[in-house]
Amino acid sequence: MVTGVFDAAVIGAGAAGMMAAAQAGQRGLRVVLLDHAEKLGEKIRISGGGRCNFTNIGTTPANFFSQNPNFCRSALAAYTPRDFIGLVERHGISWHEKHRGQLFCDDSSESIIAMLRRECDAGKVAWRMACTIKSLTRQADDFRLDTSQGEIRARQVVLATGGMAIPQLGATDFALGMARQFGLKVVEPRPALVPLTFDAQQWAPFGLLSGIALEAAVRCGSGKSRTEFLEDLLFTHRGLSGPAILQISSYWNPGEAIMLDLAPGKRLGDEWVAGKSGNRQALVSVLAALWSRRLAEQWLASEPGQDGTALGAMRLADMPDKTLRGLAERIHNWTLHPTGTAGYKKAEVMRGGVDTRGIDQKTMQTKSVPGLYFVGEALDVTGWLGGYNFQWAWASGAACGRSLHKAA
């Protein structure tokens, strides 16, 4: 039984889906928004520690990773962080800048969800929740959706179901499956913005440092592909996490090494050699002035001693210049080989997705299937940590919603 005929059906009531639906609905289109979840906007709800890091005022195309890096330019230029801030302020939502351009709600993420719901309602968007899509087919000039709430027909369909990160909140590979069904290419998906893990036996000594955080520079790749971030990192039982590691994880490929500078901005070798004369401090105390003492002790425990004396107990004044410079070099260039990631359960987003070379960058419509659109995380556009992925959701959703059209 056909339960509705619409100009557009938007599958996925997350950030990008609600934005697309609201934009289209407010332009007079008949829009239906479907989602398999019972609760609206779960990923929005948990983001930013419950306060929703809803954008970053410094957003540029350089803050995104993709095999087609220029694809995001048009949408980001057409719908900027200032545009979304204006929407937030029109709804009376107070916000603050927390760190490096990251904007958060003063109160709760719920205010962003409620705002998007009101925007959809202003466009008279029809809701179908919880609604499972059994099949999506194209017949003649429209699409037919066989759903748990009956058949829906629509001239256009928007896939806004996101990626596979955080499956415990209902994330699936539905959009990727639909892309393949309609003959679109998919860039291999992988967890991104995710902790890195290491061989359990090799990591055991550092696993004892779980909970310790410090600022570090972390990099991977070389030449033009070299990428580096300066952020906090966090030791965990299984490996490393924290903003620095989450950032680099989007660029790290299996089998590659990562390099860490645990004293960024310093030249420890030169400082120690120049200042060692008469310095009776134990080396462990010197390092404890940089890091926590636990980290200093564990680091030095893995270093070779001299004449049976533990390295940490030696006074700085008694250390050979060569030994000090060698220690400093290892601190500034700690090379590690991750064995993998903590997986989609711990990832904030998915890297990869629908190949954007088959998508129109101004409208988000597929080039090979008229009327079929993809937005948000489902596309091969992955933002940095810090509000960038939400800005991509708003921008791609707006581009799509503005390009959808009424049935003739």
Protein backbone atom coordinates (compact mmCIF):
# COMPACT_ATOMS: atom_id res chain seq x y z
CA MET A 1 0.00 0.00 0.00
CA VAL A 2 1.35 3.44 -0.95
CA THR A 3 1.35 5.60 2.18
CA GLY A 4 2.76 8.77 0.65
CA VAL A 5 3.98 10.47 -2.51
CA PHE A 6 6.67 13.13 -2.07
CA ASP A 7 9.00 15.39 -3.97
CA ALA A 8 11.87 14.06 -1.88
CA ALA A 9 12.52 11.32 0.64
CA VAL A 10 15.45 11.90 2.99
CA ILE A 11 16.75 8.71 4.58
CA GLY A 12 18.57 9.44 7.82
CA ALA A 13 17.47 11.99 10.41
CA GLY A 14 20.91 13.04 11.57
CA ALA A 15 22.65 16.38 11.14
CA ALA A 16 22.95 16.35 7.33
CA GLY A 17 19.55 14.73 6.79
CA MET A 18 17.60 17.17 8.92
CA MET A 19 19.41 20.11 7.31
CA ALA A 20 18.59 18.88 3.80
CA ALA A 21 14.98 18.15 4.69
CA ALA A 22 14.46 21.53 6.36
CA GLN A 23 15.99 23.46 3.47
CA ALA A 24 13.86 21.64 0.91
CA GLY A 25 10.67 21.75 2.93
CA GLN A 26 10.94 25.48 3.56
CA ARG A 27 11.18 25.97 -0.22
CA GLY A 28 7.76 24.39 -0.59
CA LEU A 29 8.71 20.81 -1.45
CA ARG A 30 6.81 17.84 -0.05
CA VAL A 31 9.48 16.08 1.98
CA VAL A 32 9.47 12.96 4.12
CA LEU A 33 12.29 12.23 6.58
CA LEU A 34 12.84 8.60 7.56
CA ASP A 35 15.07 7.02 10.19
CA HIS A 36 15.31 3.55 11.71
CA ALA A 37 16.02 4.93 15.19
CA GLU A 38 13.36 5.62 17.76
CA LYS A 39 15.26 8.57 19.27
CA LEU A 40 16.21 11.58 17.14
CA GLY A 41 19.79 12.77 16.68
CA GLU A 42 21.71 10.43 18.96
CA LYS A 43 25.13 11.32 17.50
CA ILE A 44 24.35 15.00 17.93
CA ARG A 45 23.26 14.33 21.49
CA ILE A 46 26.52 12.72 22.63
CA SER A 47 28.85 15.05 20.74
CA GLY A 48 31.11 17.46 22.57
CA GLY A 49 30.52 15.78 25.88
CA GLY A 50 26.80 16.49 25.57
CA ARG A 51 27.24 20.14 24.55
CA CYS A 52 27.63 19.57 20.78
CA ASN A 53 30.75 20.97 19.12
CA PHE A 54 28.49 22.19 16.32
CA THR A 55 31.05 23.92 14.08
CA ASN A 56 34.53 25.40 13.85
CA ILE A 57 34.89 29.04 12.85
CA GLY A 58 38.20 28.29 11.12
CA THR A 59 36.75 25.73 8.70
CA THR A 60 38.50 25.53 5.31
CA PRO A 61 38.77 22.74 2.71
CA ALA A 62 42.25 22.02 4.14
CA ASN A 63 40.58 20.65 7.26
CA PHE A 64 39.18 17.66 5.36
CA PHE A 65 40.61 14.38 4.11
CA SER A 66 39.38 12.90 0.81
CA GLN A 67 40.67 11.20 -2.33
CA ASN A 68 39.04 14.14 -4.14
CA PRO A 69 40.13 17.04 -1.91
CA ASN A 70 38.58 19.86 -3.95
CA PHE A 71 35.09 18.36 -3.83
CA CYS A 72 34.08 20.02 -0.55
CA ARG A 73 35.01 23.57 -1.60
CA SER A 74 31.72 24.59 -3.20
CA ALA A 75 29.42 23.44 -0.40
CA LEU A 76 31.65 24.86 2.35
CA ALA A 77 31.78 28.23 0.58
CA ALA A 78 28.01 28.33 0.07
CA TYR A 79 27.15 27.50 3.70
CA THR A 80 29.74 28.74 6.19
CA PRO A 81 30.15 28.46 9.96
CA ARG A 82 28.76 32.01 10.18
CA ASP A 83 25.58 30.82 8.43
CA PHE A 84 25.05 28.10 11.00
CA ILE A 85 25.88 30.44 13.88
CA GLY A 86 23.20 32.76 12.55
CA LEU A 87 20.69 29.89 12.60
CA VAL A 88 21.69 28.97 16.14
CA GLU A 89 21.30 32.57 17.32
CA ARG A 90 17.91 32.96 15.64
CA HIS A 91 16.73 30.09 17.80
CA GLY A 92 18.08 31.76 20.94
CA ILE A 93 20.78 29.15 21.60
CA SER A 94 23.76 30.54 23.51
CA TRP A 95 27.23 29.26 22.66
CA HIS A 96 30.92 29.71 23.42
CA GLU A 97 34.27 29.13 21.77
CA LYS A 98 36.22 26.56 23.72
CA HIS A 99 39.48 25.86 21.90
CA ARG A 100 40.96 26.59 18.46
CA GLY A 101 37.73 27.79 16.90
CA GLN A 102 35.56 25.01 18.31
CA LEU A 103 32.05 26.22 19.15
CA PHE A 104 29.86 24.53 21.76
CA CYS A 105 26.39 25.07 23.18
CA ASP A 106 26.39 26.71 26.60
CA ASP A 107 23.74 24.25 27.71
CA SER A 108 22.96 20.97 26.00
CA SER A 109 23.19 19.27 22.62
CA GLU A 110 19.44 18.83 22.94
CA SER A 111 19.01 22.48 21.91
CA ILE A 112 20.59 21.77 18.49
CA ILE A 113 18.38 18.71 17.99
CA ALA A 114 15.29 20.71 18.94
CA MET A 115 16.34 23.54 16.59
CA LEU A 116 16.68 21.17 13.65
CA ARG A 117 13.33 19.60 14.50
CA ARG A 118 11.68 23.03 14.49
CA GLU A 119 13.34 23.88 11.17
CA CYS A 120 11.92 20.68 9.66
CA ASP A 121 8.50 21.38 11.12
CA ALA A 122 8.63 24.89 9.61
CA GLY A 123 9.01 23.17 6.25
CA LYS A 124 6.12 20.80 7.01
CA VAL A 125 8.43 17.80 6.72
CA ALA A 126 6.67 14.48 7.31
CA TRP A 127 8.35 12.16 9.81
CA ARG A 128 8.68 8.38 9.72
CA MET A 129 10.38 7.08 12.89
CA ALA A 130 11.20 4.36 13.72
CA CYS A 131 10.98 3.21 10.11
CA THR A 132 13.06 0.50 8.46
CA ILE A 133 13.86 0.65 4.75
CA LYS A 134 13.43 -2.82 3.28
CA SER A 135 14.32 -1.84 -0.28
CA LEU A 136 14.92 1.18 -2.48
CA THR A 137 14.30 0.89 -6.21
CA ARG A 138 14.00 3.25 -9.14
CA GLN A 139 10.99 2.80 -11.40
CA ALA A 140 10.35 5.09 -14.36
CA ASP A 141 10.70 8.66 -13.06
CA ASP A 142 10.51 8.03 -9.34
CA PHE A 143 11.90 5.96 -6.49
CA ARG A 144 9.96 3.46 -4.46
CA LEU A 145 10.80 2.79 -0.84
CA ASP A 146 9.43 -0.39 0.71
CA THR A 147 9.40 0.46 4.41
CA SER A 148 8.09 -0.98 7.66
CA GLN A 149 5.43 1.74 7.48
CA GLY A 150 4.32 1.01 3.93
CA GLU A 151 5.45 2.03 0.46
CA ILE A 152 6.64 5.56 -0.20
CA ARG A 153 7.16 7.11 -3.62
CA ALA A 154 9.44 10.05 -4.22
CA ARG A 155 10.89 11.81 -7.26
CA GLN A 156 14.19 12.27 -5.40
CA VAL A 157 15.97 10.38 -2.63
CA VAL A 158 18.67 11.69 -0.30
CA LEU A 159 20.92 9.18 1.47
CA ALA A 160 21.94 10.78 4.78
CA THR A 161 22.48 7.70 6.93
CA GLY A 162 26.11 8.52 7.75
CA GLY A 163 28.91 6.03 8.18
CA MET A 164 29.67 3.06 10.40
CA ALA A 165 31.19 4.84 13.40
CA ILE A 166 29.54 4.17 16.76
CA PRO A 167 27.35 1.21 15.75
CA GLN A 168 25.99 1.06 19.31
CA LEU A 169 23.99 4.17 18.38
CA GLY A 170 22.58 2.51 15.27
CA ALA A 171 25.23 3.37 12.66
CA THR A 172 25.22 1.05 9.63
CA ASP A 173 26.65 0.78 6.12
CA PHE A 174 23.21 1.35 4.57
CA ALA A 175 24.31 4.33 2.43
CA LEU A 176 27.31 2.43 1.10
CA GLY A 177 25.12 -0.53 0.23
CA MET A 178 22.74 1.72 -1.66
CA ALA A 179 25.64 3.36 -3.50
CA ARG A 180 26.89 -0.03 -4.67
CA GLN A 181 23.36 -1.09 -5.63
CA PHE A 182 23.10 1.90 -7.97
CA GLY A 183 26.54 1.33 -9.46
CA LEU A 184 28.51 4.03 -7.63
CA LYS A 185 32.10 3.52 -6.54
CA VAL A 186 32.95 3.44 -2.85
CA VAL A 187 36.29 4.44 -1.33
CA GLU A 188 37.31 1.78 1.20
CA PRO A 189 35.75 2.75 4.54
CA ARG A 190 37.79 2.66 7.75
CA PRO A 191 37.43 4.02 11.28
CA ALA A 192 38.74 7.58 11.65
CA LEU A 193 39.27 9.95 14.56
CA VAL A 194 39.98 6.79 16.51
CA PRO A 195 42.54 5.59 19.10
CA LEU A 196 45.52 3.59 17.82
CA THR A 197 46.47 0.22 19.30
CA PHE A 198 49.76 -1.67 19.59
CA ASP A 199 51.11 -5.16 20.14
CA ALA A 200 50.02 -6.10 23.66
CA GLN A 201 53.38 -7.46 24.78
CA GLN A 202 55.41 -4.57 23.41
CA TRP A 203 52.99 -2.00 24.80
CA ALA A 204 52.75 -3.55 28.28
CA PRO A 205 55.30 -1.20 29.94
CA PHE A 206 53.52 1.86 28.60
CA GLY A 207 50.09 0.44 29.34
CA LEU A 208 50.99 1.04 32.98
CA LEU A 209 50.83 4.76 32.19
CA SER A 210 47.12 4.63 31.28
CA GLY A 211 45.47 7.96 32.02
CA ILE A 212 48.57 10.13 31.59
CA ALA A 213 48.16 12.97 29.08
CA LEU A 214 50.64 15.47 27.65
CA GLU A 215 51.01 17.78 24.67
CA ALA A 216 52.86 16.20 21.76
CA ALA A 217 53.50 16.65 18.07
CA VAL A 218 52.54 13.53 16.12
CA ARG A 219 53.18 12.94 12.44
CA CYS A 220 53.03 10.28 9.75
CA GLY A 221 53.92 10.05 6.09
CA SER A 222 56.77 11.78 4.33
CA GLY A 223 57.30 14.40 1.65
CA LYS A 224 54.06 15.87 0.33
CA SER A 225 52.05 13.24 2.20
CA ARG A 226 53.55 14.17 5.59
CA THR A 227 50.91 15.26 8.09
CA GLU A 228 51.50 16.59 11.60
CA PHE A 229 49.32 17.71 14.51
CA LEU A 230 50.18 19.41 17.79
CA GLU A 231 47.62 18.35 20.38
CA ASP A 232 47.32 16.42 23.63
CA LEU A 233 47.85 12.66 23.58
CA LEU A 234 46.63 10.15 26.12
CA PHE A 235 48.18 6.85 27.17
CA THR A 236 45.69 3.96 27.40
CA HIS A 237 45.95 0.28 28.35
CA ARG A 238 45.93 -0.72 24.66
CA GLY A 239 47.73 2.19 23.03
CA LEU A 240 47.36 5.92 22.48
CA SER A 241 44.37 8.23 22.27
CA GLY A 242 43.66 11.91 22.80
CA PRO A 243 43.18 14.65 20.19
CA ALA A 244 46.66 14.28 18.65
CA ILE A 245 46.15 10.58 17.98
CA LEU A 246 42.55 10.93 16.82
CA GLN A 247 43.67 13.54 14.32
CA ILE A 248 46.56 11.54 12.89
CA SER A 249 44.46 8.36 12.70
CA SER A 250 42.58 9.77 9.70
CA TYR A 251 45.88 9.94 7.79
CA TRP A 252 47.62 6.83 9.14
CA ASN A 253 47.57 3.71 6.97
CA PRO A 254 48.12 0.16 8.26
CA GLY A 255 51.78 -0.79 8.27
CA GLU A 256 53.00 2.79 8.57
CA ALA A 257 54.90 4.21 11.53
CA ILE A 258 53.92 7.28 13.48
CA MET A 259 56.49 9.63 14.98
CA LEU A 260 55.96 11.56 18.20
CA ASP A 261 57.77 14.54 19.67
CA LEU A 262 57.11 14.40 23.41
CA ALA A 263 58.73 17.78 24.02
CA PRO A 264 57.51 19.95 21.14
CA GLY A 265 59.05 23.38 20.76
CA LYS A 266 62.13 22.46 22.76
CA ARG A 267 65.68 21.42 21.83
CA LEU A 268 66.38 19.17 24.79
CA GLY A 269 69.81 18.01 23.65
CA ASP A 270 71.15 21.54 23.36
CA GLU A 271 69.45 22.66 26.59
CA TRP A 272 70.81 19.77 28.63
CA VAL A 273 74.36 19.99 27.33
CA ALA A 274 74.47 23.75 27.80
CA GLY A 275 73.04 23.59 31.31
CA LYS A 276 74.62 20.46 32.75
CA SER A 277 77.75 22.00 34.29
CA GLY A 278 77.38 21.77 38.06
CA ASN A 279 73.76 20.58 37.76
CA ARG A 280 73.31 17.98 40.50
CA GLN A 281 69.71 17.12 39.57
CA ALA A 282 68.97 13.46 38.88
CA LEU A 283 67.92 12.92 35.28
CA VAL A 284 64.54 11.57 36.38
CA SER A 285 63.86 14.88 38.11
CA VAL A 286 64.84 16.78 34.97
CA LEU A 287 62.33 14.79 32.91
CA ALA A 288 59.69 15.01 35.63
CA ALA A 289 59.76 18.78 35.14
CA LEU A 290 58.55 18.13 31.56
CA TRP A 291 56.15 15.24 32.13
CA SER A 292 54.53 13.44 35.01
CA ARG A 293 57.04 11.58 37.19
CA ARG A 294 55.41 8.25 36.29
CA LEU A 295 56.14 8.83 32.63
CA ALA A 296 59.68 10.04 33.36
CA GLU A 297 60.44 6.93 35.42
CA GLN A 298 58.96 4.54 32.87
CA TRP A 299 60.75 6.19 29.97
CA LEU A 300 64.13 6.07 31.69
CA ALA A 301 63.58 2.47 32.82
CA SER A 302 63.72 1.48 29.17
CA GLU A 303 66.96 3.38 28.58
CA PRO A 304 70.38 1.73 28.99
CA GLY A 305 72.27 2.62 32.20
CA GLN A 306 75.97 3.22 32.64
CA ASP A 307 78.32 1.12 34.75
CA GLY A 308 75.39 -0.61 36.39
CA THR A 309 73.79 2.68 37.45
CA ALA A 310 70.21 3.29 36.42
CA LEU A 311 70.07 6.17 34.00
CA GLY A 312 67.39 8.01 35.93
CA ALA A 313 69.50 8.12 39.07
CA MET A 314 72.49 9.74 37.37
CA ARG A 315 73.06 13.45 37.83
CA LEU A 316 72.82 15.66 34.80
CA ALA A 317 76.35 16.99 35.43
CA ASP A 318 77.78 13.45 35.18
CA MET A 319 76.12 12.57 31.88
CA PRO A 320 78.21 12.45 28.68
CA ASP A 321 77.05 14.89 26.00
CA LYS A 322 76.53 12.02 23.57
CA THR A 323 74.22 10.21 25.98
CA LEU A 324 72.15 13.32 26.60
CA ARG A 325 71.79 14.07 22.91
CA GLY A 326 70.83 10.48 22.16
CA LEU A 327 68.15 10.53 24.85
CA ALA A 328 66.82 13.85 23.56
CA GLU A 329 66.68 12.51 20.00
CA ARG A 330 64.54 9.55 21.10
CA ILE A 331 62.18 11.87 22.97
CA HIS A 332 61.80 14.19 19.98
CA ASN A 333 61.43 11.33 17.49
CA TRP A 334 59.69 8.42 19.24
CA THR A 335 58.84 6.04 16.42
CA LEU A 336 55.99 3.58 16.91
CA HIS A 337 54.25 1.04 14.69
CA PRO A 338 50.52 0.75 15.49
CA THR A 339 48.99 -2.64 14.83
CA GLY A 340 45.54 -1.20 14.26
CA THR A 341 42.79 1.00 15.63
CA ALA A 342 40.19 0.67 18.36
CA GLY A 343 37.58 0.17 15.63
CA TYR A 344 34.24 1.70 14.78
CA LYS A 345 32.98 1.39 18.35
CA LYS A 346 35.53 3.99 19.46
CA ALA A 347 35.75 5.98 16.23
CA GLU A 348 34.07 9.36 15.95
CA VAL A 349 33.62 9.17 12.17
CA MET A 350 34.22 6.96 9.15
CA ARG A 351 36.99 7.64 6.65
CA GLY A 352 36.15 6.84 3.02
CA GLY A 353 32.65 6.41 1.69
CA VAL A 354 30.86 7.16 -1.57
CA ASP A 355 33.44 8.26 -4.14
CA THR A 356 32.80 11.97 -4.66
CA ARG A 357 34.08 11.86 -8.23
CA GLY A 358 30.65 10.47 -9.05
CA ILE A 359 28.82 13.29 -7.23
CA ASP A 360 28.04 16.86 -8.33
CA GLN A 361 29.86 19.11 -5.84
CA LYS A 362 27.25 21.89 -5.96
CA THR A 363 24.13 19.76 -5.50
CA MET A 364 25.29 16.43 -3.99
CA GLN A 365 23.37 14.60 -6.75
CA THR A 366 24.92 11.52 -8.28
CA LYS A 367 26.08 12.02 -11.85
CA SER A 368 24.88 8.63 -13.05
CA VAL A 369 21.49 8.33 -11.30
CA PRO A 370 19.34 11.47 -11.62
CA GLY A 371 17.40 12.20 -8.45
CA LEU A 372 19.71 10.27 -6.13
CA TYR A 373 21.73 12.33 -3.62
CA PHE A 374 24.29 11.61 -0.87
CA VAL A 375 25.21 13.98 1.95
CA GLY A 376 27.29 14.09 5.13
CA GLU A 377 29.49 11.33 6.44
CA ALA A 378 28.35 8.83 3.79
CA LEU A 379 30.56 10.69 1.31
CA ASP A 380 34.34 10.38 1.11
CA VAL A 381 34.88 13.62 3.03
CA THR A 382 36.33 13.32 6.53
CA GLY A 383 36.89 16.36 8.71
CA TRP A 384 39.41 16.97 11.46
CA LEU A 385 38.45 16.72 15.10
CA GLY A 386 36.85 19.89 16.42
CA GLY A 387 33.50 20.65 14.78
CA TYR A 388 34.56 20.26 11.15
CA ASN A 389 32.46 17.16 10.46
CA PHE A 390 29.34 18.91 11.71
CA GLN A 391 30.09 21.85 9.43
CA TRP A 392 30.36 19.42 6.53
CA ALA A 393 27.00 17.95 7.50
CA TRP A 394 25.36 21.40 7.54
CA ALA A 395 27.06 22.50 4.31
CA SER A 396 26.41 19.35 2.29
CA GLY A 397 22.86 19.11 3.63
CA ALA A 398 22.17 22.73 2.72
CA ALA A 399 23.63 22.30 -0.77
CA CYS A 400 21.40 19.30 -1.36
CA GLY A 401 18.27 20.79 0.17
CA ARG A 402 18.59 23.92 -1.93
CA SER A 403 18.98 21.93 -5.14
CA LEU A 404 16.05 19.56 -4.71
CA HIS A 405 13.09 20.50 -6.88
CA LYS A 406 9.35 20.05 -7.00
CA ALA A 407 7.87 17.36 -9.19
CA ALA A 408 6.68 18.71 -12.53
